[in-house]
Amino acid sequence: MSDELWALVEPLLPKPGPKLVEGRPRVPDRQALCGVLFVLHTGIQWEYLPQELGFGSGMT
């Protein structure tokens, strides 16, 4: 995602609140949105998100 597009999208997202429970570290919003866009663009299943592109496991 280009920096220009991210500059338009970022103000629309809610700010993260305090972490209330233990668990996985939060994925940065930009990285999460890139993963969503990748799935929508390619049509792959969530579980096949490529970790080498920084999308995490794709599983919760």
C-alpha atoms as a PDB file:
ATOM      1  CA  MET A   1       0.000   0.000   0.000  1.00  0.00           C
ATOM      2  CA  SER A   2       1.412   3.370  -0.942  1.00  0.00           C
ATOM      3  CA  ASP A   3       2.230   5.949   1.712  1.00  0.00           C
ATOM      4  CA  GLU A   4      -0.270   8.299   0.063  1.00  0.00           C
ATOM      5  CA  LEU A   5      -3.131   5.798   0.393  1.00  0.00           C
ATOM      6  CA  TRP A   6      -2.150   4.976   3.974  1.00  0.00           C
ATOM      7  CA  ALA A   7      -2.190   8.705   4.826  1.00  0.00           C
ATOM      8  CA  LEU A   8      -5.841   8.787   3.717  1.00  0.00           C
ATOM      9  CA  VAL A   9      -6.876   5.561   5.477  1.00  0.00           C
ATOM     10  CA  GLU A  10      -5.054   5.835   8.807  1.00  0.00           C
ATOM     11  CA  PRO A  11      -7.156   8.706  10.245  1.00  0.00           C
ATOM     12  CA  LEU A  12     -10.314   6.643   9.630  1.00  0.00           C
ATOM     13  CA  LEU A  13      -9.191   3.786  11.891  1.00  0.00           C
ATOM     14  CA  PRO A  14      -9.875   3.783  15.640  1.00  0.00           C
ATOM     15  CA  LYS A  15      -6.887   4.256  17.912  1.00  0.00           C
ATOM     16  CA  PRO A  16      -5.885   1.092  19.799  1.00  0.00           C
ATOM     17  CA  GLY A  17      -6.901   0.998  23.428  1.00  0.00           C
ATOM     18  CA  PRO A  18      -4.923  -0.476  26.309  1.00  0.00           C
ATOM     19  CA  LYS A  19      -4.180  -4.182  26.168  1.00  0.00           C
ATOM     20  CA  LEU A  20      -6.572  -5.833  28.612  1.00  0.00           C
ATOM     21  CA  VAL A  21      -5.742  -9.507  28.194  1.00  0.00           C
ATOM     22  CA  GLU A  22      -2.722 -11.633  27.463  1.00  0.00           C
ATOM     23  CA  GLY A  23      -2.317 -13.057  24.018  1.00  0.00           C
ATOM     24  CA  ARG A  24      -0.678 -12.349  20.725  1.00  0.00           C
ATOM     25  CA  PRO A  25       0.945  -8.997  20.161  1.00  0.00           C
ATOM     26  CA  ARG A  26      -1.184  -6.599  18.140  1.00  0.00           C
ATOM     27  CA  VAL A  27      -0.439  -6.495  14.412  1.00  0.00           C
ATOM     28  CA  PRO A  28       0.098  -2.946  13.150  1.00  0.00           C
ATOM     29  CA  ASP A  29      -3.015  -1.565  11.428  1.00  0.00           C
ATOM     30  CA  ARG A  30      -1.229  -0.991   8.125  1.00  0.00           C
ATOM     31  CA  GLN A  31       0.049  -4.561   8.052  1.00  0.00           C
ATOM     32  CA  ALA A  32      -3.422  -5.933   8.886  1.00  0.00           C
ATOM     33  CA  LEU A  33      -5.073  -3.869   6.150  1.00  0.00           C
ATOM     34  CA  CYS A  34      -2.456  -4.981   3.634  1.00  0.00           C
ATOM     35  CA  GLY A  35      -3.281  -8.594   4.523  1.00  0.00           C
ATOM     36  CA  VAL A  36      -7.007  -7.988   4.015  1.00  0.00           C
ATOM     37  CA  LEU A  37      -6.382  -6.293   0.665  1.00  0.00           C
ATOM     38  CA  PHE A  38      -4.080  -9.137  -0.393  1.00  0.00           C
ATOM     39  CA  VAL A  39      -6.794 -11.730   0.337  1.00  0.00           C
ATOM     40  CA  LEU A  40      -9.433  -9.691  -1.493  1.00  0.00           C
ATOM     41  CA  HIS A  41      -7.161  -9.110  -4.495  1.00  0.00           C
ATOM     42  CA  THR A  42      -5.861 -12.671  -4.866  1.00  0.00           C
ATOM     43  CA  GLY A  43      -8.848 -14.644  -3.590  1.00  0.00           C
ATOM     44  CA  ILE A  44      -6.643 -16.889  -1.450  1.00  0.00           C
ATOM     45  CA  GLN A  45      -7.839 -18.316   1.852  1.00  0.00           C
ATOM     46  CA  TRP A  46      -6.779 -16.593   5.075  1.00  0.00           C
ATOM     47  CA  GLU A  47      -4.684 -19.578   6.133  1.00  0.00           C
ATOM     48  CA  TYR A  48      -2.515 -19.188   3.025  1.00  0.00           C
ATOM     49  CA  LEU A  49      -1.409 -15.613   3.687  1.00  0.00           C
ATOM     50  CA  PRO A  50       2.330 -15.624   2.958  1.00  0.00           C
ATOM     51  CA  GLN A  51       4.306 -15.129   6.161  1.00  0.00           C
ATOM     52  CA  GLU A  52       7.329 -13.980   4.186  1.00  0.00           C
ATOM     53  CA  LEU A  53       5.362 -10.862   3.198  1.00  0.00           C
ATOM     54  CA  GLY A  54       4.814 -10.067   6.871  1.00  0.00           C
ATOM     55  CA  PHE A  55       1.152 -11.052   7.124  1.00  0.00           C
ATOM     56  CA  GLY A  56       1.554 -13.403  10.088  1.00  0.00           C
ATOM     57  CA  SER A  57      -0.054 -16.815  10.185  1.00  0.00           C
ATOM     58  CA  GLY A  58      -3.439 -15.920   8.737  1.00  0.00           C
ATOM     59  CA  MET A  59      -4.980 -18.015  11.513  1.00  0.00           C
ATOM     60  CA  THR A  60      -6.276 -16.922  14.899  1.00  0.00           C
END
